[in-house]
Amino acid sequence: MIRDLTRDDLPALMHIAEVMHAESVYAEYPLNTDRTEYVLTTLLAADTVFCRGAEVDGNLVGVFFGEVNSDIWADVNVAKDIVFYVLPEHRAGGQGVRLIKSFYQWTAGRCDEVVLSVYAGVNNVATGGILARMGYADAGTIHKKRAA
């Protein structure tokens, strides 16, 4: 089931954040739990932010936060993901696809383009393939290098 997230979900969101962080390209850096809780609380309180989760058997197993912003260069409103993650043991169940579809439906009438990023290092190739099958075109890549 896909449902709106609330402040009551914060403990489950923090658990998901910890699992996501441990699997991400930034796993070598410590998770700042105070900052994470602050950001999640702020997002949950913003009426302009899409905040939904996937629930299975009463447990939160995936999350999607997104928003719409004006492009810096053109008169175009772009919906973008802020956080999208599904716990590893629930990825084969279609929860991620349901979250993406829910976000896409939410964007109707709010934007001109929907842009989803794939860069967390969590099954990037598989995620890109799923997005391609859903009609999203590859629009570039993200490159990173450790600072000196």
C-alpha atoms as a PDB file:
ATOM      1  CA  MET A   1       0.000   0.000   0.000  1.00  0.00           C
ATOM      2  CA  ILE A   2       1.239   3.490  -0.859  1.00  0.00           C
ATOM      3  CA  ARG A   3       0.289   6.114   1.704  1.00  0.00           C
ATOM      4  CA  ASP A   4       1.119   9.613   2.881  1.00  0.00           C
ATOM      5  CA  LEU A   5       3.898   9.815   5.437  1.00  0.00           C
ATOM      6  CA  THR A   6       3.467  11.614   8.749  1.00  0.00           C
ATOM      7  CA  ARG A   7       5.655  12.635  11.667  1.00  0.00           C
ATOM      8  CA  ASP A   8       4.566   9.390  13.357  1.00  0.00           C
ATOM      9  CA  ASP A   9       6.617   7.560  10.721  1.00  0.00           C
ATOM     10  CA  LEU A  10       9.861   9.213  11.842  1.00  0.00           C
ATOM     11  CA  PRO A  11      11.266   6.142  13.680  1.00  0.00           C
ATOM     12  CA  ALA A  12      10.663   3.929  10.635  1.00  0.00           C
ATOM     13  CA  LEU A  13      12.049   6.646   8.349  1.00  0.00           C
ATOM     14  CA  MET A  14      15.200   6.841  10.447  1.00  0.00           C
ATOM     15  CA  HIS A  15      15.627   3.059  10.157  1.00  0.00           C
ATOM     16  CA  ILE A  16      15.223   3.279   6.377  1.00  0.00           C
ATOM     17  CA  ALA A  17      17.703   6.181   6.289  1.00  0.00           C
ATOM     18  CA  GLU A  18      20.274   4.094   8.162  1.00  0.00           C
ATOM     19  CA  VAL A  19      19.889   1.132   5.795  1.00  0.00           C
ATOM     20  CA  MET A  20      19.975   3.400   2.742  1.00  0.00           C
ATOM     21  CA  HIS A  21      23.066   5.208   3.986  1.00  0.00           C
ATOM     22  CA  ALA A  22      24.907   1.939   4.654  1.00  0.00           C
ATOM     23  CA  GLU A  23      24.248   0.875   1.052  1.00  0.00           C
ATOM     24  CA  SER A  24      25.009   4.223  -0.596  1.00  0.00           C
ATOM     25  CA  VAL A  25      28.083   5.775  -2.193  1.00  0.00           C
ATOM     26  CA  TYR A  26      28.516   7.782   1.040  1.00  0.00           C
ATOM     27  CA  ALA A  27      28.584   4.777   3.387  1.00  0.00           C
ATOM     28  CA  GLU A  28      32.205   5.509   4.325  1.00  0.00           C
ATOM     29  CA  TYR A  29      31.076   8.745   5.986  1.00  0.00           C
ATOM     30  CA  PRO A  30      29.149   8.556   9.275  1.00  0.00           C
ATOM     31  CA  LEU A  31      25.417   9.171   9.101  1.00  0.00           C
ATOM     32  CA  ASN A  32      24.490  12.388  10.862  1.00  0.00           C
ATOM     33  CA  THR A  33      21.300  11.216  12.567  1.00  0.00           C
ATOM     34  CA  ASP A  34      20.474  14.645  14.007  1.00  0.00           C
ATOM     35  CA  ARG A  35      20.630  16.248  10.568  1.00  0.00           C
ATOM     36  CA  THR A  36      18.727  13.372   8.994  1.00  0.00           C
ATOM     37  CA  GLU A  37      15.929  13.641  11.534  1.00  0.00           C
ATOM     38  CA  TYR A  38      15.796  17.431  11.090  1.00  0.00           C
ATOM     39  CA  VAL A  39      15.605  17.192   7.290  1.00  0.00           C
ATOM     40  CA  LEU A  40      12.954  14.459   7.367  1.00  0.00           C
ATOM     41  CA  THR A  41      10.879  16.436   9.887  1.00  0.00           C
ATOM     42  CA  THR A  42      11.157  19.546   7.705  1.00  0.00           C
ATOM     43  CA  LEU A  43      10.135  17.659   4.565  1.00  0.00           C
ATOM     44  CA  LEU A  44       7.166  16.053   6.324  1.00  0.00           C
ATOM     45  CA  ALA A  45       5.949  19.486   7.453  1.00  0.00           C
ATOM     46  CA  ALA A  46       6.180  21.098   4.003  1.00  0.00           C
ATOM     47  CA  ASP A  47       2.864  21.109   2.179  1.00  0.00           C
ATOM     48  CA  THR A  48       4.649  21.462  -1.187  1.00  0.00           C
ATOM     49  CA  VAL A  49       6.669  18.246  -0.801  1.00  0.00           C
ATOM     50  CA  PHE A  50       5.487  14.808  -1.921  1.00  0.00           C
ATOM     51  CA  CYS A  51       6.002  12.459   1.051  1.00  0.00           C
ATOM     52  CA  ARG A  52       4.722   8.937   0.560  1.00  0.00           C
ATOM     53  CA  GLY A  53       5.768   5.522   1.662  1.00  0.00           C
ATOM     54  CA  ALA A  54       5.215   1.902   0.719  1.00  0.00           C
ATOM     55  CA  GLU A  55       3.800  -0.222   3.507  1.00  0.00           C
ATOM     56  CA  VAL A  56       3.718  -4.020   3.670  1.00  0.00           C
ATOM     57  CA  ASP A  57       2.040  -5.834   6.560  1.00  0.00           C
ATOM     58  CA  GLY A  58       1.950  -2.602   8.580  1.00  0.00           C
ATOM     59  CA  ASN A  59       5.672  -1.894   8.098  1.00  0.00           C
ATOM     60  CA  LEU A  60       7.172   0.953   6.120  1.00  0.00           C
ATOM     61  CA  VAL A  61       9.444  -0.618   3.479  1.00  0.00           C
ATOM     62  CA  GLY A  62      10.050   2.236   1.046  1.00  0.00           C
ATOM     63  CA  VAL A  63       9.891   6.012   0.777  1.00  0.00           C
ATOM     64  CA  PHE A  64       9.675   8.710  -1.855  1.00  0.00           C
ATOM     65  CA  PHE A  65      10.107  12.413  -1.196  1.00  0.00           C
ATOM     66  CA  GLY A  66       9.881  14.803  -4.140  1.00  0.00           C
ATOM     67  CA  GLU A  67       9.130  18.395  -5.033  1.00  0.00           C
ATOM     68  CA  VAL A  68       8.531  20.758  -7.928  1.00  0.00           C
ATOM     69  CA  ASN A  69      10.898  23.645  -8.613  1.00  0.00           C
ATOM     70  CA  SER A  70      11.332  26.197 -11.375  1.00  0.00           C
ATOM     71  CA  ASP A  71      14.310  25.612 -13.607  1.00  0.00           C
ATOM     72  CA  ILE A  72      17.105  28.120 -13.123  1.00  0.00           C
ATOM     73  CA  TRP A  73      17.421  28.892 -16.866  1.00  0.00           C
ATOM     74  CA  ALA A  74      14.026  28.371 -18.459  1.00  0.00           C
ATOM     75  CA  ASP A  75      10.361  28.901 -17.717  1.00  0.00           C
ATOM     76  CA  VAL A  76       9.777  25.264 -16.916  1.00  0.00           C
ATOM     77  CA  ASN A  77       8.691  23.602 -13.689  1.00  0.00           C
ATOM     78  CA  VAL A  78      10.506  20.388 -12.929  1.00  0.00           C
ATOM     79  CA  ALA A  79       9.433  17.700 -10.467  1.00  0.00           C
ATOM     80  CA  LYS A  80      12.427  15.976  -8.888  1.00  0.00           C
ATOM     81  CA  ASP A  81      12.997  13.250  -6.378  1.00  0.00           C
ATOM     82  CA  ILE A  82      14.645  14.183  -3.100  1.00  0.00           C
ATOM     83  CA  VAL A  83      14.810  10.689  -1.606  1.00  0.00           C
ATOM     84  CA  PHE A  84      13.694   7.410  -3.128  1.00  0.00           C
ATOM     85  CA  TYR A  85      14.532   4.117  -1.472  1.00  0.00           C
ATOM     86  CA  VAL A  86      13.066   0.666  -0.938  1.00  0.00           C
ATOM     87  CA  LEU A  87      14.519  -1.772   1.592  1.00  0.00           C
ATOM     88  CA  PRO A  88      16.494  -4.530  -0.147  1.00  0.00           C
ATOM     89  CA  GLU A  89      14.180  -7.361   0.883  1.00  0.00           C
ATOM     90  CA  HIS A  90      11.176  -5.576  -0.707  1.00  0.00           C
ATOM     91  CA  ARG A  91      12.633  -4.503  -4.058  1.00  0.00           C
ATOM     92  CA  ALA A  92      11.240  -7.426  -6.025  1.00  0.00           C
ATOM     93  CA  GLY A  93       7.685  -6.734  -4.879  1.00  0.00           C
ATOM     94  CA  GLY A  94       7.015  -3.719  -7.074  1.00  0.00           C
ATOM     95  CA  GLN A  95       6.982  -1.217  -4.201  1.00  0.00           C
ATOM     96  CA  GLY A  96       9.472   1.062  -5.960  1.00  0.00           C
ATOM     97  CA  VAL A  97       7.447   1.143  -9.160  1.00  0.00           C
ATOM     98  CA  ARG A  98       4.303   1.953  -7.170  1.00  0.00           C
ATOM     99  CA  LEU A  99       6.080   4.820  -5.401  1.00  0.00           C
ATOM    100  CA  ILE A 100       7.349   6.229  -8.702  1.00  0.00           C
ATOM    101  CA  LYS A 101       3.883   5.994 -10.265  1.00  0.00           C
ATOM    102  CA  SER A 102       2.371   7.697  -7.235  1.00  0.00           C
ATOM    103  CA  PHE A 103       4.862  10.555  -7.537  1.00  0.00           C
ATOM    104  CA  TYR A 104       4.184  10.859 -11.261  1.00  0.00           C
ATOM    105  CA  GLN A 105       0.431  11.073 -10.622  1.00  0.00           C
ATOM    106  CA  TRP A 106       1.019  13.719  -7.930  1.00  0.00           C
ATOM    107  CA  THR A 107       2.995  15.845 -10.414  1.00  0.00           C
ATOM    108  CA  ALA A 108       0.037  16.143 -12.820  1.00  0.00           C
ATOM    109  CA  GLY A 109      -0.776  19.815 -13.282  1.00  0.00           C
ATOM    110  CA  ARG A 110       2.188  20.854 -11.138  1.00  0.00           C
ATOM    111  CA  CYS A 111       5.075  20.641 -13.596  1.00  0.00           C
ATOM    112  CA  ASP A 112       6.259  20.328 -17.175  1.00  0.00           C
ATOM    113  CA  GLU A 113       8.920  17.649 -16.659  1.00  0.00           C
ATOM    114  CA  VAL A 114       9.577  14.848 -14.178  1.00  0.00           C
ATOM    115  CA  VAL A 115      13.258  14.117 -13.487  1.00  0.00           C
ATOM    116  CA  LEU A 116      14.350  11.137 -11.407  1.00  0.00           C
ATOM    117  CA  SER A 117      17.970  10.709 -10.384  1.00  0.00           C
ATOM    118  CA  VAL A 118      19.893   7.460 -10.105  1.00  0.00           C
ATOM    119  CA  TYR A 119      23.195   7.977  -8.332  1.00  0.00           C
ATOM    120  CA  ALA A 120      23.133   6.456  -4.864  1.00  0.00           C
ATOM    121  CA  GLY A 121      25.116   3.421  -5.958  1.00  0.00           C
ATOM    122  CA  VAL A 122      22.226   1.132  -5.051  1.00  0.00           C
ATOM    123  CA  ASN A 123      21.543  -1.029  -8.120  1.00  0.00           C
ATOM    124  CA  ASN A 124      21.998   1.941 -10.457  1.00  0.00           C
ATOM    125  CA  VAL A 125      21.882  -0.197 -13.608  1.00  0.00           C
ATOM    126  CA  ALA A 126      18.762  -2.097 -12.539  1.00  0.00           C
ATOM    127  CA  THR A 127      17.036   1.091 -11.403  1.00  0.00           C
ATOM    128  CA  GLY A 128      17.889   2.808 -14.682  1.00  0.00           C
ATOM    129  CA  GLY A 129      16.438  -0.138 -16.581  1.00  0.00           C
ATOM    130  CA  ILE A 130      13.194   0.006 -14.607  1.00  0.00           C
ATOM    131  CA  LEU A 131      12.901   3.735 -15.253  1.00  0.00           C
ATOM    132  CA  ALA A 132      13.533   3.210 -18.976  1.00  0.00           C
ATOM    133  CA  ARG A 133      10.741   0.618 -19.102  1.00  0.00           C
ATOM    134  CA  MET A 134       8.485   3.181 -17.389  1.00  0.00           C
ATOM    135  CA  GLY A 135       9.188   5.708 -20.161  1.00  0.00           C
ATOM    136  CA  TYR A 136      11.941   7.797 -18.559  1.00  0.00           C
ATOM    137  CA  ALA A 137      14.854   8.701 -20.842  1.00  0.00           C
ATOM    138  CA  ASP A 138      18.458   8.715 -19.692  1.00  0.00           C
ATOM    139  CA  ALA A 139      19.370  12.421 -19.537  1.00  0.00           C
ATOM    140  CA  GLY A 140      23.006  12.204 -18.431  1.00  0.00           C
ATOM    141  CA  THR A 141      25.265  10.967 -15.703  1.00  0.00           C
ATOM    142  CA  ILE A 142      26.673  12.116 -12.397  1.00  0.00           C
ATOM    143  CA  HIS A 143      30.395  11.883 -11.756  1.00  0.00           C
ATOM    144  CA  LYS A 144      32.130  12.278  -8.409  1.00  0.00           C
ATOM    145  CA  LYS A 145      35.662  12.459  -7.128  1.00  0.00           C
ATOM    146  CA  ARG A 146      36.957  12.688  -3.591  1.00  0.00           C
ATOM    147  CA  ALA A 147      38.196  16.185  -2.757  1.00  0.00           C
ATOM    148  CA  ALA A 148      41.881  16.657  -2.047  1.00  0.00           C
END
